[in-house]
């Protein structure tokens, strides 16, 4: 009842819209699981049953409520999962499959122009690249598990030598350009869809990096 009440409060509709959008299906085991998952069971789920996209979500995850002891337990779990060794080919396929499903979903209502967030070479592709590189290299470079923001991740990848400084510059420069444009569009309450030719060189550069890291066997 407490959780139901909390969800009701957080999803309250105001004149400015919904306070927070919450989907309780996005919990361990979905609707088949309990609304509140004990932290030990959560760790076991992440270790044995979670999908790769749930490990991707951990890259940016942080505790938003609770005491220091709970936060420490969560951080230990997060770090241990991010630092699990993974087969590169399996990880690449899982991220490609998830990205393809996302594109198919958003393609149903596609409009002309470049979707800054979901379009090829856009923000989501950069996010996936950063998440892939964390999951791929955190077992060897555990400092990556301490990073959350994409710019911080890119910097640490370059510092550890896992990507070249040229690649880091391309990623960080493009990300900053995209975020500045996205913020401007949000402030003016405009849709994040731009003329088709916008950011052409940047999108091509991100596409090349996508093929390099996530489609290495593609001709």
Protein backbone atom coordinates (compact mmCIF):
# COMPACT_ATOMS: atom_id res chain seq x y z
CA UNK A 1 0.00 0.00 0.00
CA UNK A 2 2.85 2.37 0.81
CA UNK A 3 4.45 1.79 -2.59
CA UNK A 4 1.11 2.22 -4.37
CA UNK A 5 0.58 5.49 -2.54
CA UNK A 6 4.08 6.67 -3.43
CA UNK A 7 3.56 5.83 -7.11
CA UNK A 8 0.24 7.66 -7.05
CA UNK A 9 1.89 10.79 -5.61
CA UNK A 10 4.78 10.72 -8.07
CA UNK A 11 2.53 10.28 -11.10
CA UNK A 12 0.12 13.06 -10.12
CA UNK A 13 -1.05 15.17 -13.05
CA UNK A 14 -0.56 18.90 -12.62
CA UNK A 15 -1.35 21.81 -14.97
CA UNK A 16 2.24 21.44 -16.21
CA UNK A 17 1.85 17.70 -16.81
CA UNK A 18 2.77 14.51 -14.98
CA UNK A 19 5.24 14.98 -12.10
CA UNK A 20 7.16 11.78 -12.93
CA UNK A 21 6.43 9.02 -15.40
CA UNK A 22 6.81 5.68 -13.60
CA UNK A 23 6.45 2.22 -15.12
CA UNK A 24 6.41 -0.39 -12.35
CA UNK A 25 6.76 -3.13 -14.96
CA UNK A 26 10.42 -2.13 -15.24
CA UNK A 27 11.45 -4.00 -12.12
CA UNK A 28 13.11 -7.39 -11.64
CA UNK A 29 10.89 -10.10 -13.17
CA UNK A 30 8.40 -7.46 -14.36
CA UNK A 31 4.77 -7.95 -13.31
CA UNK A 32 5.65 -11.43 -12.07
CA UNK A 33 7.95 -9.99 -9.41
CA UNK A 34 7.25 -8.26 -6.13
CA UNK A 35 6.79 -4.50 -6.15
CA UNK A 36 9.63 -4.12 -3.66
CA UNK A 37 12.67 -6.34 -4.24
CA UNK A 38 15.02 -7.15 -1.33
CA UNK A 39 18.52 -6.00 -2.17
CA UNK A 40 19.95 -9.51 -1.89
CA UNK A 41 17.38 -10.80 -4.39
CA UNK A 42 18.13 -7.79 -6.62
CA UNK A 43 21.81 -8.70 -6.67
CA UNK A 44 21.01 -12.32 -7.49
CA UNK A 45 18.68 -11.23 -10.29
CA UNK A 46 21.32 -8.97 -11.85
CA UNK A 47 23.94 -11.72 -11.57
CA UNK A 48 21.88 -14.54 -13.06
CA UNK A 49 18.76 -13.38 -14.90
CA UNK A 50 19.00 -9.75 -16.00
CA UNK A 51 19.06 -8.76 -19.64
CA UNK A 52 22.05 -6.87 -21.02
CA UNK A 53 20.00 -3.67 -21.31
CA UNK A 54 19.49 -3.84 -17.53
CA UNK A 55 23.25 -3.91 -17.10
CA UNK A 56 23.43 -0.95 -19.49
CA UNK A 57 21.05 0.94 -17.21
CA UNK A 58 23.40 0.36 -14.28
CA UNK A 59 26.05 2.50 -15.96
CA UNK A 60 24.06 5.62 -15.02
CA UNK A 61 22.16 4.23 -12.03
CA UNK A 62 22.40 5.84 -8.61
CA UNK A 63 20.48 5.59 -5.35
CA UNK A 64 17.93 8.40 -4.93
CA UNK A 65 16.68 7.53 -1.42
CA UNK A 66 17.93 5.60 1.57
CA UNK A 67 20.70 5.75 4.14
CA UNK A 68 24.45 5.53 3.62
CA UNK A 69 24.57 1.82 4.42
CA UNK A 70 22.01 1.04 1.69
CA UNK A 71 23.86 3.27 -0.76
CA UNK A 72 27.11 1.44 -0.04
CA UNK A 73 25.46 -1.93 -0.64
CA UNK A 74 23.96 -0.71 -3.90
CA UNK A 75 27.27 0.73 -5.08
CA UNK A 76 29.02 -2.57 -4.33
CA UNK A 77 26.40 -4.46 -6.32
CA UNK A 78 26.55 -2.00 -9.20
CA UNK A 79 30.34 -2.17 -9.31
CA UNK A 80 30.43 -5.97 -9.20
CA UNK A 81 27.93 -6.30 -12.07
CA UNK A 82 29.64 -3.70 -14.27
CA UNK A 83 32.98 -5.42 -13.72
CA UNK A 84 31.78 -8.89 -14.73
CA UNK A 85 33.82 -10.31 -17.63
CA UNK A 86 31.82 -10.47 -20.86
CA UNK A 87 32.39 -11.96 -24.29
CA UNK A 88 32.82 -9.08 -26.72
CA UNK A 89 30.83 -10.73 -29.53
CA UNK A 90 27.87 -11.56 -27.26
CA UNK A 91 27.85 -8.05 -25.83
CA UNK A 92 28.00 -6.47 -29.28
CA UNK A 93 25.08 -8.57 -30.50
CA UNK A 94 22.95 -7.78 -27.44
CA UNK A 95 23.44 -4.03 -27.86
CA UNK A 96 22.85 -4.17 -31.62
CA UNK A 97 19.62 -6.12 -31.10
CA UNK A 98 18.35 -3.67 -28.46
CA UNK A 99 19.23 -0.68 -30.63
CA UNK A 100 17.43 -2.24 -33.60
CA UNK A 101 14.29 -2.78 -31.53
CA UNK A 102 14.38 0.84 -30.38
CA UNK A 103 14.74 2.06 -33.95
CA UNK A 104 11.86 -0.11 -35.11
CA UNK A 105 9.67 1.21 -32.32
CA UNK A 106 10.41 4.86 -33.02
CA UNK A 107 10.31 4.27 -36.77
CA UNK A 108 6.58 3.58 -36.59
CA UNK A 109 5.91 7.26 -36.12
CA UNK A 110 8.90 8.54 -38.08
CA UNK A 111 8.73 11.99 -39.59
CA UNK A 112 11.00 13.70 -42.10
CA UNK A 113 14.30 15.04 -40.80
CA UNK A 114 16.91 14.01 -38.26
CA UNK A 115 15.73 12.87 -34.84
CA UNK A 116 18.48 14.23 -32.59
CA UNK A 117 17.87 11.64 -29.90
CA UNK A 118 16.85 8.48 -31.73
CA UNK A 119 18.19 8.97 -35.25
CA UNK A 120 21.25 7.10 -36.58
CA UNK A 121 24.38 8.81 -35.31
CA UNK A 122 22.38 10.68 -32.63
CA UNK A 123 22.42 10.87 -28.86
CA UNK A 124 21.24 7.31 -28.24
CA UNK A 125 23.99 5.88 -30.42
CA UNK A 126 26.60 7.78 -28.39
CA UNK A 127 24.96 6.51 -25.18
CA UNK A 128 25.10 2.92 -26.43
CA UNK A 129 28.74 3.30 -27.47
CA UNK A 130 29.67 4.56 -24.00
CA UNK A 131 27.70 1.79 -22.29
CA UNK A 132 29.27 -0.87 -24.50
CA UNK A 133 32.77 0.37 -23.74
CA UNK A 134 32.10 0.42 -19.99
CA UNK A 135 30.67 -3.11 -19.97
CA UNK A 136 33.47 -4.34 -22.24
CA UNK A 137 36.44 -2.83 -20.40
CA UNK A 138 35.37 -2.27 -16.77
CA UNK A 139 36.66 -5.73 -15.74
CA UNK A 140 40.17 -4.55 -16.67
CA UNK A 141 39.72 -0.82 -15.98
CA UNK A 142 37.66 -0.73 -12.80
CA UNK A 143 37.76 3.08 -12.63
CA UNK A 144 35.19 2.96 -15.45
CA UNK A 145 32.67 1.54 -12.97
CA UNK A 146 32.92 4.77 -10.98
CA UNK A 147 31.86 6.87 -14.00
CA UNK A 148 28.26 7.75 -14.77
CA UNK A 149 28.13 10.68 -17.15
CA UNK A 150 29.09 10.02 -20.76
CA UNK A 151 31.70 12.77 -20.86
CA UNK A 152 33.33 11.32 -17.75
CA UNK A 153 33.25 7.86 -19.32
CA UNK A 154 34.86 9.12 -22.52
CA UNK A 155 37.59 10.87 -20.55
CA UNK A 156 38.37 7.76 -18.49
CA UNK A 157 38.40 5.55 -21.60
CA UNK A 158 40.98 7.83 -23.18
CA UNK A 159 43.00 8.05 -19.95
CA UNK A 160 43.14 4.25 -19.70
CA UNK A 161 44.10 3.90 -23.37
CA UNK A 162 41.00 1.93 -24.31
CA UNK A 163 40.13 4.50 -26.97
CA UNK A 164 42.38 6.90 -28.82
CA UNK A 165 42.45 10.59 -27.98
CA UNK A 166 41.11 11.24 -31.50
CA UNK A 167 38.10 9.01 -30.81
CA UNK A 168 37.57 10.66 -27.43
CA UNK A 169 37.65 14.10 -29.04
CA UNK A 170 35.11 13.04 -31.68
CA UNK A 171 32.75 11.56 -29.09
CA UNK A 172 32.98 14.39 -26.56
CA UNK A 173 32.79 17.18 -29.14
CA UNK A 174 29.76 15.64 -30.86
CA UNK A 175 28.05 14.91 -27.55
CA UNK A 176 28.49 18.52 -26.41
CA UNK A 177 27.11 19.82 -29.72
CA UNK A 178 24.08 17.53 -29.50
CA UNK A 179 23.36 18.36 -25.86
CA UNK A 180 23.60 22.09 -26.47
CA UNK A 181 21.15 21.80 -29.36
CA UNK A 182 18.84 19.51 -27.37
CA UNK A 183 18.76 21.95 -24.44
CA UNK A 184 18.00 24.85 -26.77
CA UNK A 185 15.12 22.93 -28.32
CA UNK A 186 13.73 22.04 -24.89
CA UNK A 187 13.90 25.66 -23.72
CA UNK A 188 11.97 26.76 -26.79
CA UNK A 189 9.58 23.78 -26.37
CA UNK A 190 10.35 22.51 -29.82
CA UNK A 191 10.57 18.92 -30.99
CA UNK A 192 14.07 17.43 -31.23
CA UNK A 193 13.72 16.88 -34.98
CA UNK A 194 16.00 18.81 -37.28
CA UNK A 195 16.44 19.27 -41.05
CA UNK A 196 17.78 16.06 -42.60
CA UNK A 197 21.22 17.50 -43.37
CA UNK A 198 21.85 18.79 -39.81
CA UNK A 199 25.05 17.50 -38.14
CA UNK A 200 25.89 15.44 -41.23
CA UNK A 201 29.65 15.08 -40.57
CA UNK A 202 29.09 14.38 -36.88
CA UNK A 203 26.52 11.68 -37.61
CA UNK A 204 28.86 10.06 -40.13
CA UNK A 205 31.66 10.06 -37.56
CA UNK A 206 29.46 8.42 -34.92
CA UNK A 207 28.33 5.89 -37.51
CA UNK A 208 31.94 4.95 -38.21
CA UNK A 209 32.61 4.48 -34.50
CA UNK A 210 29.44 2.38 -34.16
CA UNK A 211 30.65 0.07 -36.94
CA UNK A 212 34.15 -0.06 -35.45
CA UNK A 213 33.07 -1.11 -31.96
CA UNK A 214 29.68 -2.78 -32.39
CA UNK A 215 29.85 -4.17 -35.93
CA UNK A 216 33.55 -5.10 -36.28
CA UNK A 217 32.79 -7.97 -38.68
CA UNK A 218 30.69 -5.86 -41.01
CA UNK A 219 32.35 -5.51 -44.46
